[in-house]
Amino acid sequence: VVKQPKKVSPEKERANQLRKLMKRKYSACVKMIKDLSTDQLPLKQRNKKTVKLSVSIPADKNIGDEITFANPNIPGQKLKVQIPAKADMEKRTFVASVPGPKVPFTKKENNLPKEFKEALCDYSTAFDDWCAAEETHNASLPENKRKDYKIKNEKMKKFDEM
């Protein structure tokens, strides 16, 4: 017995074609990323939000008491913390996480090649076209078979895997 191929609606066929195109453009972008030099890749701004700090416990304080101390990273900032149960009472210290120093943002121009920028643009357009086709296909289904498909949410995922 030969199985007949399942009939696919024109909306689903279009979505499938656009998905294949989008995947090809995605693969091309990933290959280009792997070929970029470290000078061409954008640097991620490193800004530690918190820093671990050893805090001395005053002689008149015990576990559970609150103490106030100055944040060495931000002049003038006072922090209040409760002495934790895991504090070292022999050395009279504990470790606290405090806000890190403010790092000024230094804008560095991207050094991405023009071909790569164009490839990213092509991929982005193909991804958006595929999302629109998926939405059209979803809307063409009977209501009980429709997915909860929000095109804006889907479009926001285009660079997640990259």
Protein backbone atom coordinates (compact mmCIF):
# COMPACT_ATOMS: atom_id res chain seq x y z
CA VAL A 1 0.00 0.00 0.00
CA VAL A 2 1.43 3.33 -1.08
CA LYS A 3 0.72 6.26 1.18
CA GLN A 4 -0.56 9.36 -0.51
CA PRO A 5 1.40 12.46 0.44
CA LYS A 6 -0.49 14.63 2.86
CA LYS A 7 -2.07 17.57 1.10
CA VAL A 8 -0.52 20.84 2.19
CA SER A 9 -2.41 24.10 2.00
CA PRO A 10 -0.95 26.90 -0.14
CA GLU A 11 -0.40 28.93 3.05
CA LYS A 12 1.60 26.11 4.66
CA GLU A 13 3.55 25.52 1.43
CA ARG A 14 4.49 29.23 1.32
CA ALA A 15 5.52 29.16 5.01
CA ASN A 16 7.68 26.06 4.34
CA GLN A 17 9.40 27.69 1.35
CA LEU A 18 10.10 30.87 3.31
CA ARG A 19 11.41 28.83 6.24
CA LYS A 20 13.89 27.06 3.96
CA LEU A 21 15.03 30.41 2.53
CA MET A 22 15.35 31.89 6.03
CA LYS A 23 17.39 28.86 7.21
CA ARG A 24 19.78 29.22 4.24
CA LYS A 25 20.31 32.91 5.01
CA TYR A 26 20.76 32.09 8.71
CA SER A 27 23.42 29.48 7.88
CA ALA A 28 25.23 31.98 5.66
CA CYS A 29 25.28 34.53 8.51
CA VAL A 30 26.57 31.98 11.03
CA LYS A 31 29.35 30.97 8.61
CA MET A 32 30.29 34.63 8.15
CA ILE A 33 30.35 35.15 11.94
CA LYS A 34 32.76 32.24 12.32
CA ASP A 35 35.00 33.79 9.66
CA LEU A 36 35.13 37.24 11.32
CA SER A 37 38.35 38.28 13.03
CA THR A 38 38.37 39.41 16.66
CA ASP A 39 38.89 43.00 15.44
CA GLN A 40 35.66 42.79 13.46
CA LEU A 41 33.50 41.29 16.21
CA PRO A 42 31.71 43.79 18.46
CA LEU A 43 33.01 43.75 22.03
CA LYS A 44 30.52 43.12 24.79
CA GLN A 45 30.60 45.91 27.37
CA ARG A 46 31.60 44.36 30.68
CA ASN A 47 29.97 46.07 33.60
CA LYS A 48 29.81 44.05 36.79
CA LYS A 49 26.55 44.88 38.46
CA THR A 50 27.69 43.53 41.83
CA VAL A 51 31.04 42.94 43.46
CA LYS A 52 31.80 40.67 46.41
CA LEU A 53 33.24 42.50 49.39
CA SER A 54 34.58 41.28 52.75
CA VAL A 55 32.82 43.17 55.54
CA SER A 56 34.20 43.41 59.09
CA ILE A 57 31.75 42.82 61.91
CA PRO A 58 31.95 45.41 64.73
CA ALA A 59 32.70 43.98 68.19
CA ASP A 60 29.26 44.89 69.55
CA LYS A 61 27.34 43.14 66.70
CA ASN A 62 26.26 39.51 66.27
CA ILE A 63 24.59 37.28 63.64
CA GLY A 64 21.22 38.73 62.66
CA ASP A 65 22.11 42.32 63.62
CA GLU A 66 22.07 45.05 60.98
CA ILE A 67 25.19 47.03 60.23
CA THR A 68 25.82 50.02 57.96
CA PHE A 69 28.99 50.45 55.93
CA ALA A 70 30.28 52.59 53.08
CA ASN A 71 30.32 51.16 49.55
CA PRO A 72 33.95 51.51 48.43
CA ASN A 73 32.86 51.48 44.77
CA ILE A 74 30.43 54.41 44.97
CA PRO A 75 31.66 57.29 47.15
CA GLY A 76 29.09 58.55 49.62
CA GLN A 77 26.83 55.50 49.32
CA LYS A 78 25.97 53.79 52.62
CA LEU A 79 24.71 50.22 52.61
CA LYS A 80 22.75 48.44 55.32
CA VAL A 81 22.98 44.67 55.63
CA GLN A 82 22.00 42.00 58.13
CA ILE A 83 24.89 39.87 59.38
CA PRO A 84 24.24 36.43 57.82
CA ALA A 85 24.21 33.13 59.72
CA LYS A 86 27.21 31.96 57.71
CA ALA A 87 29.39 34.88 58.90
CA ASP A 88 32.83 33.90 60.24
CA MET A 89 32.49 35.01 63.87
CA GLU A 90 36.06 33.93 64.71
CA LYS A 91 37.51 36.36 62.15
CA ARG A 92 34.44 38.62 62.55
CA THR A 93 33.91 38.96 58.77
CA PHE A 94 31.41 37.97 56.08
CA VAL A 95 31.11 38.42 52.34
CA ALA A 96 28.48 40.78 50.93
CA SER A 97 27.54 41.62 47.35
CA VAL A 98 27.61 45.37 46.76
CA PRO A 99 26.79 47.47 43.68
CA GLY A 100 29.81 47.65 41.39
CA PRO A 101 31.47 50.82 40.17
CA LYS A 102 29.78 52.75 37.40
CA VAL A 103 31.69 52.11 34.18
CA PRO A 104 31.34 54.87 31.59
CA PHE A 105 30.02 53.57 28.30
CA THR A 106 32.61 53.87 25.57
CA LYS A 107 31.02 53.79 22.15
CA LYS A 108 33.05 51.73 19.74
CA GLU A 109 31.99 51.68 16.13
CA ASN A 110 31.22 48.24 14.76
CA ASN A 111 33.88 47.07 12.39
CA LEU A 112 31.60 44.61 10.61
CA PRO A 113 32.21 44.05 6.89
CA LYS A 114 29.59 45.47 4.52
CA GLU A 115 28.85 41.99 3.12
CA PHE A 116 28.06 40.72 6.62
CA LYS A 117 25.75 43.66 7.37
CA GLU A 118 23.92 42.98 4.10
CA ALA A 119 23.66 39.26 4.92
CA LEU A 120 22.19 40.10 8.34
CA CYS A 121 19.68 42.42 6.69
CA ASP A 122 18.72 39.71 4.16
CA TYR A 123 18.31 37.15 6.96
CA SER A 124 16.24 39.59 9.02
CA THR A 125 13.90 40.24 6.08
CA ALA A 126 13.59 36.51 5.32
CA PHE A 127 12.82 35.78 8.98
CA ASP A 128 10.10 38.46 9.07
CA ASP A 129 8.61 37.14 5.81
CA TRP A 130 8.54 33.61 7.23
CA CYS A 131 6.84 34.88 10.43
CA ALA A 132 4.19 36.63 8.34
CA ALA A 133 3.61 33.45 6.30
CA GLU A 134 3.31 31.40 9.51
CA GLU A 135 0.74 33.89 10.80
CA THR A 136 -1.23 33.66 7.53
CA HIS A 137 -1.11 29.85 7.67
CA ASN A 138 -2.19 29.84 11.31
CA ALA A 139 -5.13 32.16 10.53
CA SER A 140 -6.23 29.81 7.70
CA LEU A 141 -6.57 26.84 10.09
CA PRO A 142 -9.85 25.93 11.77
CA GLU A 143 -10.05 27.71 15.12
CA ASN A 144 -9.55 24.52 17.15
CA LYS A 145 -6.22 23.81 15.36
CA ARG A 146 -4.73 27.31 15.58
CA LYS A 147 -1.63 27.97 17.64
CA ASP A 148 -1.32 30.96 19.94
CA TYR A 149 0.94 32.74 17.46
CA LYS A 150 1.96 36.32 18.14
CA ILE A 151 4.02 37.62 15.23
CA LYS A 152 5.66 40.42 17.25
CA ASN A 153 6.93 37.90 19.82
CA GLU A 154 8.23 35.59 17.10
CA LYS A 155 10.04 38.37 15.24
CA MET A 156 11.89 39.29 18.42
CA LYS A 157 13.49 35.83 18.46
CA LYS A 158 15.31 36.23 15.11
CA PHE A 159 18.80 36.68 16.58
CA ASP A 160 18.40 34.48 19.69
CA GLU A 161 20.20 31.46 18.25
CA MET A 162 22.84 33.42 16.39
